[in-house]
Amino acid sequence: MEVKKDIIVDKSIEAVWEVLGNQYSEAYKWARELYHSEEFGEPKIQGARCNNRTCDTSFGRIQEEIRKFDSKNFVLEYEVVKGFPDFIKQGINRWDLQKLNEHQTKVSMHFKGETQGILGFFMGPMMNMKLNKNLGEVLGDFKHYVENGIPSPGKQRDMERQARKAA
């Protein structure tokens, strides 16, 4: 499974990095289908506030580990280390920021996942289609949050649905 997505955010690269990198543990504030996230673990990479993040998602709790945190080149990479279904062997997500001008930043997301077993063989293509859609929505959510300081309409609807389920 592999998905690559790009989006232009109408903010400086520093403002985009602030949300993506420095507020890594607060992705639940802007990402659809992510209801809570929390940092833990002493940072192993200079500049990072933590080493891990747990995320309560629409498909359960996952745990991620930071693999790269580069605040000079604006690169964040993390791997899901717990919580994926058994047929997913590995999932790594990489975000790269590129300064276009003082007020625009290109945000690139590259997810690579590896399935395993017979179930992975059959589920892989369906998972890739779903990931392609979901990661596009997440990038849109990210853009909206960075540019406006509030969750996107899609994230707001998602939070309302989650609140109704919890009630």
Foldseek 3Di string as FASTA:
>chain_A
DKAKDKDKFQAALVLLCCCVAVVVQVLCQQAFQWPHKDAADPDPDPPHRHQKMWTQGNQGIWMKGWPDRDPVQSKTKIWTPDDDPQQWPIKMKMWGWDGPDNGMIMIMIMMDTDGDDPVNVVCVVVVVVVCNVRVVVRVVSSSCCSRPVHGDPNRVVSVVVVVVVVD
